[in-house]
N, C-alpha and C. Protein backbone atom coordinates (compact mmCIF):
# COMPACT_ATOMS: atom_id res chain seq x y z
N MET A 1 -39.79 36.91 -10.59
CA MET A 1 -38.96 37.49 -11.73
C MET A 1 -38.19 36.56 -12.69
N SER A 2 -38.37 37.05 -13.94
CA SER A 2 -37.84 36.12 -14.81
C SER A 2 -36.02 36.73 -15.02
N LYS A 3 -35.47 35.26 -15.38
CA LYS A 3 -33.93 35.36 -15.97
C LYS A 3 -32.82 34.86 -17.30
N TYR A 4 -32.28 35.79 -17.32
CA TYR A 4 -32.54 35.31 -18.59
C TYR A 4 -30.97 34.82 -18.85
N ILE A 5 -30.72 34.42 -20.50
CA ILE A 5 -29.21 33.51 -20.58
C ILE A 5 -28.54 34.49 -21.43
N CYS A 6 -27.28 35.30 -20.87
CA CYS A 6 -26.89 35.53 -21.88
C CYS A 6 -26.32 35.12 -22.72
N LEU A 7 -26.14 34.80 -24.80
CA LEU A 7 -26.25 34.22 -25.76
C LEU A 7 -24.56 33.95 -26.04
N ILE A 8 -24.15 35.10 -25.59
CA ILE A 8 -22.69 35.31 -26.10
C ILE A 8 -21.72 34.45 -24.35
N CYS A 9 -22.05 34.84 -23.66
CA CYS A 9 -21.59 34.80 -22.38
C CYS A 9 -21.79 33.65 -21.14
N GLY A 10 -23.18 33.91 -21.45
CA GLY A 10 -23.82 32.32 -20.26
C GLY A 10 -23.74 33.63 -18.75
N ARG A 11 -23.83 33.93 -19.21
CA ARG A 11 -23.88 34.58 -17.74
C ARG A 11 -25.56 35.19 -17.67
N LYS A 12 -26.09 34.69 -16.45
CA LYS A 12 -27.53 35.21 -15.84
C LYS A 12 -27.67 36.31 -15.05
N PHE A 13 -28.60 36.92 -15.71
CA PHE A 13 -29.04 38.41 -15.41
C PHE A 13 -30.49 38.32 -15.78
N PRO A 14 -31.56 38.57 -14.52
CA PRO A 14 -32.48 39.87 -14.51
C PRO A 14 -33.52 40.36 -15.62
N GLN A 15 -34.10 40.55 -15.17
CA GLN A 15 -35.13 41.20 -16.25
C GLN A 15 -34.86 42.38 -15.44
N GLY A 16 -34.76 43.51 -16.66
CA GLY A 16 -35.45 45.48 -16.43
C GLY A 16 -33.52 45.46 -16.99
N GLN A 17 -32.41 44.19 -16.40
CA GLN A 17 -31.08 44.58 -16.73
C GLN A 17 -31.23 43.45 -18.09
N GLY A 18 -29.14 44.02 -19.09
CA GLY A 18 -28.93 43.14 -20.22
C GLY A 18 -29.62 43.97 -21.24
N ILE A 19 -29.84 44.26 -22.39
CA ILE A 19 -30.83 43.92 -24.03
C ILE A 19 -31.05 42.34 -24.36
N ILE A 20 -32.19 42.53 -24.61
CA ILE A 20 -33.77 42.04 -25.33
C ILE A 20 -33.63 41.96 -26.07
N ILE A 21 -33.79 41.06 -27.57
CA ILE A 21 -33.84 41.22 -28.69
C ILE A 21 -35.21 40.96 -28.35
N LYS A 22 -36.21 40.70 -29.40
CA LYS A 22 -37.11 40.30 -29.88
C LYS A 22 -37.20 39.91 -31.46
N TYR A 23 -37.00 38.81 -32.13
CA TYR A 23 -37.44 38.93 -33.67
C TYR A 23 -38.29 37.56 -34.26
N GLY A 24 -39.08 38.23 -34.53
CA GLY A 24 -40.17 37.32 -34.79
C GLY A 24 -40.53 36.78 -33.60
N ARG A 25 -40.11 35.06 -34.07
CA ARG A 25 -40.46 34.28 -32.42
C ARG A 25 -39.06 34.18 -31.78
N LEU A 26 -38.05 34.25 -32.21
CA LEU A 26 -36.36 34.16 -31.43
C LEU A 26 -36.61 35.53 -30.47
N GLU A 27 -36.23 35.06 -29.23
CA GLU A 27 -35.65 36.30 -28.49
C GLU A 27 -34.73 35.87 -28.31
N LEU A 28 -33.66 36.72 -28.38
CA LEU A 28 -31.47 36.99 -28.37
C LEU A 28 -32.32 37.71 -26.72
N ALA A 29 -31.83 37.56 -25.35
CA ALA A 29 -30.18 37.98 -24.84
C ALA A 29 -29.26 38.10 -24.14
N PHE A 30 -28.63 39.66 -24.41
CA PHE A 30 -26.97 39.11 -24.04
C PHE A 30 -27.47 40.46 -22.14
N HIS A 31 -25.84 40.00 -21.87
CA HIS A 31 -25.98 41.12 -20.67
C HIS A 31 -25.29 42.16 -20.73
N SER A 32 -24.74 42.21 -22.27
CA SER A 32 -24.11 43.85 -21.89
C SER A 32 -24.12 43.83 -23.62
N ASN A 33 -23.91 44.88 -23.17
CA ASN A 33 -23.73 45.67 -25.13
C ASN A 33 -22.62 45.29 -25.57
N ARG A 34 -21.79 44.87 -25.18
CA ARG A 34 -20.39 43.82 -25.58
C ARG A 34 -20.37 43.20 -26.75
N CYS A 35 -21.98 42.01 -25.37
CA CYS A 35 -22.31 40.86 -26.36
C CYS A 35 -22.78 41.37 -26.93
N ALA A 36 -24.21 41.84 -27.29
CA ALA A 36 -24.70 42.92 -28.28
C ALA A 36 -24.12 42.74 -29.81
N SER A 37 -23.05 43.71 -29.53
CA SER A 37 -22.00 43.46 -30.41
C SER A 37 -20.91 42.56 -30.98
N LYS A 38 -20.47 41.77 -30.44
CA LYS A 38 -19.77 40.54 -30.30
C LYS A 38 -21.19 40.09 -31.15
N PHE A 39 -22.49 39.24 -31.21
CA PHE A 39 -23.46 38.61 -31.98
C PHE A 39 -23.58 39.06 -33.20
N LEU A 40 -23.53 40.82 -34.01
CA LEU A 40 -23.86 41.52 -34.54
C LEU A 40 -22.53 40.96 -35.64
N ARG A 41 -20.99 41.40 -34.30
CA ARG A 41 -20.48 40.92 -35.68
C ARG A 41 -20.19 39.68 -36.16
N LEU A 42 -20.60 38.72 -35.52
CA LEU A 42 -20.26 37.43 -35.99
C LEU A 42 -21.81 36.72 -37.05
N LEU A 43 -22.49 37.89 -36.75
CA LEU A 43 -23.94 37.96 -37.67
C LEU A 43 -23.66 38.60 -38.74
N LEU A 44 -22.59 38.96 -38.56
CA LEU A 44 -22.44 39.61 -39.97
C LEU A 44 -22.15 39.43 -41.22
N GLU A 45 -20.83 38.09 -40.11
CA GLU A 45 -19.72 37.50 -40.45
C GLU A 45 -20.34 35.82 -41.41
N ARG A 46 -21.70 35.72 -40.69
CA ARG A 46 -22.17 34.30 -42.19
C ARG A 46 -22.97 35.11 -42.82
N ILE A 47 -23.84 36.16 -42.93
CA ILE A 47 -24.74 36.61 -43.48
C ILE A 47 -23.96 37.12 -45.45
N PRO A 48 -24.09 36.31 -46.37
CA PRO A 48 -23.31 37.09 -47.53
C PRO A 48 -24.06 38.12 -48.44
N PRO A 49 -23.08 38.77 -48.06
CA PRO A 49 -22.70 40.08 -48.76
C PRO A 49 -23.76 40.85 -48.98
N GLU A 50 -24.26 40.26 -50.06
CA GLU A 50 -24.90 40.15 -51.43
C GLU A 50 -26.22 39.81 -51.21
N GLU A 51 -26.92 38.95 -49.83
CA GLU A 51 -28.51 39.47 -49.49
C GLU A 51 -28.15 40.58 -48.14
N ALA A 52 -27.13 40.78 -47.19
CA ALA A 52 -27.88 41.58 -46.32
C ALA A 52 -27.03 43.19 -46.66
N GLU A 53 -26.09 43.53 -48.04
CA GLU A 53 -26.43 44.87 -48.19
C GLU A 53 -26.84 45.72 -48.38
N GLY A 54 -27.98 45.87 -49.60
CA GLY A 54 -29.33 45.83 -50.14
C GLY A 54 -29.92 46.73 -48.03
N TYR A 55 -29.66 46.18 -47.24
CA TYR A 55 -30.75 46.37 -46.39
C TYR A 55 -29.38 46.87 -45.12
N VAL A 56 -28.47 47.33 -45.00
CA VAL A 56 -27.83 47.72 -44.20
C VAL A 56 -27.85 49.35 -45.27
N LYS A 57 -27.07 48.72 -46.70
CA LYS A 57 -27.09 50.00 -46.77
C LYS A 57 -28.18 51.54 -46.81
N ARG A 58 -29.71 50.62 -46.79
CA ARG A 58 -30.67 51.76 -46.82
C ARG A 58 -31.57 52.20 -45.42
N LEU A 59 -30.98 51.38 -44.00
CA LEU A 59 -30.48 51.40 -42.68
C LEU A 59 -29.61 52.93 -42.71
N ARG A 60 -28.81 52.65 -43.16
CA ARG A 60 -27.04 53.53 -43.10
C ARG A 60 -27.46 54.80 -43.75
N ASP A 61 -28.06 55.06 -44.54
CA ASP A 61 -29.35 56.09 -45.55
C ASP A 61 -29.91 56.83 -44.36
N GLU A 62 -30.79 55.48 -43.79
CA GLU A 62 -32.12 56.48 -43.14
C GLU A 62 -31.60 56.82 -41.74
N LEU A 63 -29.86 57.00 -40.78
CA LEU A 63 -30.30 56.97 -39.98
C LEU A 63 -29.21 57.83 -39.83
N ILE A 64 -28.33 57.99 -41.96
CA ILE A 64 -27.10 58.96 -41.65
C ILE A 64 -28.37 60.45 -42.30
N GLU A 65 -29.72 60.36 -42.27
CA GLU A 65 -30.71 61.68 -43.01
C GLU A 65 -31.32 62.00 -41.47
N ALA A 66 -31.43 61.43 -40.39
CA ALA A 66 -32.16 61.44 -39.73
C ALA A 66 -30.77 62.38 -38.42
N ILE A 67 -29.67 62.28 -38.52
CA ILE A 67 -28.52 63.03 -37.74
C ILE A 67 -28.91 63.58 -38.31
N LYS A 68 -28.60 64.48 -39.83
CA LYS A 68 -28.55 65.37 -40.24
C LYS A 68 -30.00 66.48 -40.05
N GLU A 69 -30.66 65.36 -39.80
CA GLU A 69 -31.98 66.26 -39.37
C GLU A 69 -31.91 67.14 -37.99
N LYS A 70 -31.75 66.33 -37.25
CA LYS A 70 -31.83 66.89 -36.51
C LYS A 70 -30.00 68.04 -35.84
N MET A 71 -29.67 67.25 -36.59
CA MET A 71 -27.82 69.16 -36.92
C MET A 71 -28.92 69.40 -37.38
N LYS A 72 -30.49 70.08 -38.48
CA LYS A 72 -30.37 70.93 -38.69
C LYS A 72 -31.19 72.28 -37.39
N LEU A 73 -32.32 71.33 -36.67
CA LEU A 73 -33.02 71.79 -35.48
C LEU A 73 -32.13 72.27 -34.11
N LYS A 74 -30.55 71.90 -34.50
CA LYS A 74 -30.18 72.13 -33.41
C LYS A 74 -29.33 74.04 -33.76
N GLN A 75 -29.51 73.78 -35.17
CA GLN A 75 -28.52 74.67 -35.24
C GLN A 75 -29.41 76.12 -34.55
N LYS A 76 -27.46 77.23 -34.22
CA LYS A 76 -29.04 78.46 -33.76
C LYS A 76 -29.99 78.86 -34.89
N ARG A 77 -30.54 79.68 -34.19
CA ARG A 77 -31.84 80.79 -35.42
C ARG A 77 -30.58 82.37 -34.55
N ILE A 78 -30.55 82.79 -35.68
CA ILE A 78 -31.09 84.37 -36.09
C ILE A 78 -31.52 85.06 -35.82
């Protein structure tokens, strides 16, 4: 069984637990969602807003649209 080491806190954890993100040739391992969110915060702080803002806006808009679609499906039909 594979063991991973969390990039944020250094904690070791077995395969099947934690959060593993494969991005291109990189493999990012986090033992908890708290460590993953800390990594995301650090990443967004370091990327210049003018480079990432378009991607963030498009993703946000897609997610909002998906939520609206779910809400339409959940509405009671008479």
